[in-house]
N, C-alpha and C. Protein backbone atom coordinates (compact mmCIF):
# COMPACT_ATOMS: atom_id res chain seq x y z
N UNK A 1 -31.57 -39.13 10.87
CA UNK A 1 -30.73 -40.10 10.20
C UNK A 1 -29.98 -39.42 9.08
N UNK A 2 -28.72 -39.67 9.01
CA UNK A 2 -27.89 -39.15 7.93
C UNK A 2 -26.98 -40.26 7.43
N UNK A 3 -27.57 -41.24 6.78
CA UNK A 3 -26.75 -42.32 6.23
C UNK A 3 -25.83 -41.72 5.18
N UNK A 4 -24.58 -42.03 5.27
CA UNK A 4 -23.62 -41.47 4.33
C UNK A 4 -22.69 -42.52 3.79
N UNK A 5 -21.96 -42.14 2.78
CA UNK A 5 -20.92 -43.03 2.24
C UNK A 5 -19.58 -42.40 2.59
N UNK A 6 -18.73 -43.19 3.21
CA UNK A 6 -17.43 -42.72 3.67
C UNK A 6 -16.37 -43.39 2.81
N UNK A 7 -15.42 -42.62 2.35
CA UNK A 7 -14.40 -43.13 1.43
C UNK A 7 -13.03 -43.15 2.11
N UNK A 8 -12.57 -44.35 2.38
CA UNK A 8 -11.27 -44.52 3.00
C UNK A 8 -10.17 -44.21 1.99
N UNK A 9 -9.13 -43.59 2.47
CA UNK A 9 -7.99 -43.24 1.64
C UNK A 9 -7.01 -44.41 1.62
N UNK A 10 -6.28 -44.52 0.54
CA UNK A 10 -5.24 -45.54 0.47
C UNK A 10 -4.27 -45.32 1.64
N UNK A 11 -3.95 -46.36 2.36
CA UNK A 11 -3.07 -46.27 3.51
C UNK A 11 -3.80 -46.13 4.84
N UNK A 12 -5.12 -46.01 4.79
CA UNK A 12 -5.90 -45.84 6.02
C UNK A 12 -5.78 -47.05 6.93
N UNK A 13 -5.65 -48.22 6.34
CA UNK A 13 -5.56 -49.44 7.15
C UNK A 13 -4.36 -49.38 8.10
N UNK A 14 -3.26 -48.86 7.60
CA UNK A 14 -2.07 -48.75 8.44
C UNK A 14 -2.29 -47.75 9.58
N UNK A 15 -2.91 -46.62 9.25
CA UNK A 15 -3.21 -45.62 10.28
C UNK A 15 -4.14 -46.22 11.34
N UNK A 16 -5.17 -46.93 10.88
CA UNK A 16 -6.12 -47.55 11.82
C UNK A 16 -5.44 -48.57 12.73
N UNK A 17 -4.48 -49.30 12.19
CA UNK A 17 -3.81 -50.33 12.99
C UNK A 17 -2.93 -49.73 14.08
N UNK A 18 -2.63 -48.44 13.97
CA UNK A 18 -1.74 -47.80 14.93
C UNK A 18 -2.47 -46.82 15.86
N UNK A 19 -3.80 -46.89 15.88
CA UNK A 19 -4.52 -45.97 16.78
C UNK A 19 -4.25 -46.32 18.23
N UNK A 20 -4.35 -45.32 19.06
CA UNK A 20 -4.06 -45.49 20.48
C UNK A 20 -5.23 -44.98 21.32
N UNK A 21 -5.60 -45.72 22.36
CA UNK A 21 -6.66 -45.24 23.25
C UNK A 21 -6.23 -44.02 24.06
N UNK A 22 -4.95 -43.71 24.01
CA UNK A 22 -4.41 -42.57 24.76
C UNK A 22 -4.66 -41.25 24.04
N UNK A 23 -5.05 -41.31 22.75
CA UNK A 23 -5.22 -40.09 21.96
C UNK A 23 -6.66 -40.00 21.45
N UNK A 24 -7.09 -38.79 21.12
CA UNK A 24 -8.42 -38.61 20.54
C UNK A 24 -8.47 -39.25 19.16
N UNK A 25 -9.55 -39.99 18.89
CA UNK A 25 -9.69 -40.70 17.63
C UNK A 25 -9.74 -39.75 16.44
N UNK A 26 -10.47 -38.65 16.55
CA UNK A 26 -10.58 -37.73 15.41
C UNK A 26 -9.22 -37.17 15.00
N UNK A 27 -8.32 -37.03 15.94
CA UNK A 27 -6.98 -36.55 15.62
C UNK A 27 -6.17 -37.63 14.91
N UNK A 28 -6.38 -38.87 15.28
CA UNK A 28 -5.62 -39.97 14.69
C UNK A 28 -6.09 -40.32 13.28
N UNK A 29 -7.33 -39.98 12.96
CA UNK A 29 -7.90 -40.35 11.66
C UNK A 29 -7.77 -39.25 10.61
N UNK A 30 -7.02 -38.21 10.87
CA UNK A 30 -6.91 -37.07 9.96
C UNK A 30 -6.57 -37.47 8.53
N UNK A 31 -5.69 -38.41 8.33
CA UNK A 31 -5.26 -38.77 6.98
C UNK A 31 -5.95 -39.99 6.41
N UNK A 32 -7.10 -40.36 6.94
CA UNK A 32 -7.74 -41.62 6.55
C UNK A 32 -8.80 -41.52 5.46
N UNK A 33 -9.26 -40.34 5.13
CA UNK A 33 -10.41 -40.22 4.23
C UNK A 33 -10.06 -39.53 2.92
N UNK A 34 -10.64 -40.03 1.83
CA UNK A 34 -10.44 -39.43 0.51
C UNK A 34 -11.20 -38.12 0.36
N UNK A 35 -12.35 -38.03 1.02
CA UNK A 35 -13.17 -36.82 0.96
C UNK A 35 -13.32 -36.23 2.35
N UNK A 36 -13.19 -34.94 2.45
CA UNK A 36 -13.40 -34.27 3.73
C UNK A 36 -14.88 -34.31 4.12
N UNK A 37 -15.76 -34.06 3.15
CA UNK A 37 -17.20 -34.05 3.39
C UNK A 37 -17.85 -35.14 2.54
N UNK A 38 -18.38 -36.14 3.18
CA UNK A 38 -19.02 -37.26 2.48
C UNK A 38 -20.50 -36.95 2.23
N UNK A 39 -21.04 -37.43 1.10
CA UNK A 39 -22.46 -37.21 0.82
C UNK A 39 -23.33 -38.03 1.78
N UNK A 40 -24.50 -37.48 2.10
CA UNK A 40 -25.46 -38.17 2.95
C UNK A 40 -26.68 -38.55 2.13
N UNK A 41 -27.60 -39.28 2.73
CA UNK A 41 -28.74 -39.82 1.99
C UNK A 41 -29.64 -38.76 1.37
N UNK A 42 -29.62 -37.53 1.87
CA UNK A 42 -30.47 -36.48 1.31
C UNK A 42 -29.85 -35.82 0.08
N UNK A 43 -28.67 -36.22 -0.30
CA UNK A 43 -28.00 -35.66 -1.48
C UNK A 43 -28.80 -35.98 -2.74
N UNK A 44 -28.95 -35.00 -3.60
CA UNK A 44 -29.69 -35.22 -4.85
C UNK A 44 -28.87 -34.76 -6.05
N UNK A 45 -27.56 -34.82 -5.94
CA UNK A 45 -26.69 -34.30 -6.99
C UNK A 45 -26.29 -35.34 -8.04
N UNK A 46 -26.83 -36.54 -7.95
CA UNK A 46 -26.39 -37.61 -8.85
C UNK A 46 -27.43 -38.00 -9.90
N UNK A 47 -28.25 -37.05 -10.29
CA UNK A 47 -29.27 -37.33 -11.31
C UNK A 47 -28.68 -37.84 -12.61
N UNK A 48 -27.55 -37.27 -13.02
CA UNK A 48 -26.88 -37.71 -14.25
C UNK A 48 -26.46 -39.16 -14.14
N UNK A 49 -25.86 -39.53 -13.02
CA UNK A 49 -25.40 -40.90 -12.82
C UNK A 49 -26.58 -41.86 -12.76
N UNK A 50 -27.68 -41.45 -12.17
CA UNK A 50 -28.88 -42.29 -12.13
C UNK A 50 -29.38 -42.56 -13.55
N UNK A 51 -29.45 -41.51 -14.35
CA UNK A 51 -29.90 -41.66 -15.74
C UNK A 51 -28.98 -42.57 -16.53
N UNK A 52 -27.68 -42.41 -16.34
CA UNK A 52 -26.70 -43.26 -17.03
C UNK A 52 -26.86 -44.72 -16.64
N UNK A 53 -27.06 -44.98 -15.36
CA UNK A 53 -27.23 -46.35 -14.87
C UNK A 53 -28.49 -46.98 -15.45
N UNK A 54 -29.58 -46.25 -15.39
CA UNK A 54 -30.84 -46.79 -15.93
C UNK A 54 -30.73 -47.03 -17.43
N UNK A 55 -30.10 -46.12 -18.15
CA UNK A 55 -29.92 -46.28 -19.59
C UNK A 55 -29.06 -47.50 -19.91
N UNK A 56 -28.03 -47.72 -19.10
CA UNK A 56 -27.10 -48.84 -19.34
C UNK A 56 -27.77 -50.20 -19.22
N UNK A 57 -28.82 -50.30 -18.42
CA UNK A 57 -29.48 -51.60 -18.23
C UNK A 57 -30.83 -51.71 -18.93
N UNK A 58 -31.22 -50.67 -19.66
CA UNK A 58 -32.47 -50.74 -20.41
C UNK A 58 -33.63 -49.98 -19.82
N UNK A 59 -33.36 -49.06 -18.91
CA UNK A 59 -34.40 -48.21 -18.35
C UNK A 59 -34.71 -48.49 -16.89
N UNK A 60 -35.54 -47.63 -16.29
CA UNK A 60 -35.86 -47.75 -14.86
C UNK A 60 -36.51 -49.09 -14.49
N UNK A 61 -37.40 -49.57 -15.34
CA UNK A 61 -38.08 -50.83 -15.05
C UNK A 61 -37.10 -52.00 -15.09
N UNK A 62 -36.21 -51.99 -16.07
CA UNK A 62 -35.20 -53.05 -16.17
C UNK A 62 -34.29 -53.03 -14.94
N UNK A 63 -33.91 -51.85 -14.49
CA UNK A 63 -33.07 -51.75 -13.29
C UNK A 63 -33.82 -52.25 -12.07
N UNK A 64 -35.10 -51.91 -11.97
CA UNK A 64 -35.92 -52.37 -10.85
C UNK A 64 -36.05 -53.90 -10.85
N UNK A 65 -36.16 -54.48 -12.03
CA UNK A 65 -36.24 -55.95 -12.10
C UNK A 65 -34.93 -56.59 -11.67
N UNK A 66 -33.82 -55.95 -12.00
CA UNK A 66 -32.50 -56.48 -11.62
C UNK A 66 -32.20 -56.32 -10.14
N UNK A 67 -32.56 -55.15 -9.60
CA UNK A 67 -32.10 -54.80 -8.26
C UNK A 67 -33.21 -54.63 -7.22
N UNK A 68 -34.45 -54.53 -7.68
CA UNK A 68 -35.55 -54.27 -6.77
C UNK A 68 -35.89 -52.80 -6.64
N UNK A 69 -35.17 -51.94 -7.36
CA UNK A 69 -35.42 -50.51 -7.26
C UNK A 69 -34.91 -49.80 -8.50
N UNK A 70 -35.54 -48.70 -8.83
CA UNK A 70 -34.97 -47.84 -9.87
C UNK A 70 -33.82 -47.06 -9.24
N UNK A 71 -33.11 -46.27 -10.02
CA UNK A 71 -31.98 -45.50 -9.50
C UNK A 71 -32.49 -44.29 -8.72
N UNK A 72 -31.97 -44.11 -7.53
CA UNK A 72 -32.26 -42.93 -6.72
C UNK A 72 -30.95 -42.20 -6.44
N UNK A 73 -31.01 -40.88 -6.40
CA UNK A 73 -29.81 -40.07 -6.21
C UNK A 73 -29.07 -40.40 -4.92
N UNK A 74 -29.78 -40.82 -3.92
CA UNK A 74 -29.14 -41.05 -2.61
C UNK A 74 -28.40 -42.38 -2.52
N UNK A 75 -28.60 -43.27 -3.48
CA UNK A 75 -27.97 -44.59 -3.40
C UNK A 75 -26.45 -44.49 -3.58
N UNK A 76 -25.74 -45.29 -2.84
CA UNK A 76 -24.29 -45.21 -2.79
C UNK A 76 -23.63 -45.48 -4.13
N UNK A 77 -24.16 -46.41 -4.92
CA UNK A 77 -23.55 -46.70 -6.22
C UNK A 77 -23.47 -45.48 -7.11
N UNK A 78 -24.53 -44.68 -7.10
CA UNK A 78 -24.53 -43.45 -7.89
C UNK A 78 -23.57 -42.42 -7.32
N UNK A 79 -23.42 -42.40 -6.00
CA UNK A 79 -22.45 -41.51 -5.37
C UNK A 79 -21.03 -41.89 -5.78
N UNK A 80 -20.76 -43.20 -5.82
CA UNK A 80 -19.43 -43.66 -6.23
C UNK A 80 -19.17 -43.31 -7.69
N UNK A 81 -20.17 -43.49 -8.55
CA UNK A 81 -20.02 -43.13 -9.96
C UNK A 81 -19.72 -41.65 -10.12
N UNK A 82 -20.40 -40.81 -9.36
CA UNK A 82 -20.15 -39.37 -9.43
C UNK A 82 -18.73 -39.05 -8.98
N UNK A 83 -18.30 -39.66 -7.91
CA UNK A 83 -16.94 -39.44 -7.42
C UNK A 83 -15.93 -39.85 -8.49
N UNK A 84 -16.14 -40.98 -9.13
CA UNK A 84 -15.27 -41.46 -10.19
C UNK A 84 -15.20 -40.46 -11.35
N UNK A 85 -16.35 -39.90 -11.71
CA UNK A 85 -16.42 -38.99 -12.85
C UNK A 85 -15.92 -37.58 -12.54
N UNK A 86 -16.16 -37.10 -11.35
CA UNK A 86 -15.86 -35.70 -11.04
C UNK A 86 -14.64 -35.48 -10.17
N UNK A 87 -14.23 -36.50 -9.44
CA UNK A 87 -13.09 -36.37 -8.53
C UNK A 87 -12.17 -37.58 -8.65
N UNK A 88 -11.59 -37.81 -9.83
CA UNK A 88 -10.76 -39.01 -10.00
C UNK A 88 -9.59 -39.06 -9.02
N UNK A 89 -9.10 -37.91 -8.59
CA UNK A 89 -8.02 -37.88 -7.61
C UNK A 89 -8.46 -38.54 -6.30
N UNK A 90 -9.64 -38.19 -5.83
CA UNK A 90 -10.16 -38.78 -4.59
C UNK A 90 -10.54 -40.24 -4.80
N UNK A 91 -11.14 -40.55 -5.95
CA UNK A 91 -11.55 -41.93 -6.23
C UNK A 91 -10.32 -42.86 -6.26
N UNK A 92 -9.26 -42.42 -6.89
CA UNK A 92 -8.07 -43.25 -7.04
C UNK A 92 -7.19 -43.28 -5.80
N UNK A 93 -7.53 -42.48 -4.83
CA UNK A 93 -6.74 -42.44 -3.61
C UNK A 93 -7.38 -43.33 -2.56
């Protein structure tokens, strides 16, 4: 299993609406994604974002009471926060 977060690029909806069964899908989707390589569930690079999230709500226990879980690096919200902080070009696209 490699659950990942995929980031659609602005304008992808138009590209998707024009796909054709006559062509390979991977060729038609070339301009649809903000990131070439999306993070998967085994990613552990968002420790900073996890700490920031837990701090913002009053700690790991407070976050667990709100959401049912403390912050984990693999969770998509932390991946989005990292993208926002480190790749604003991709986030805004």
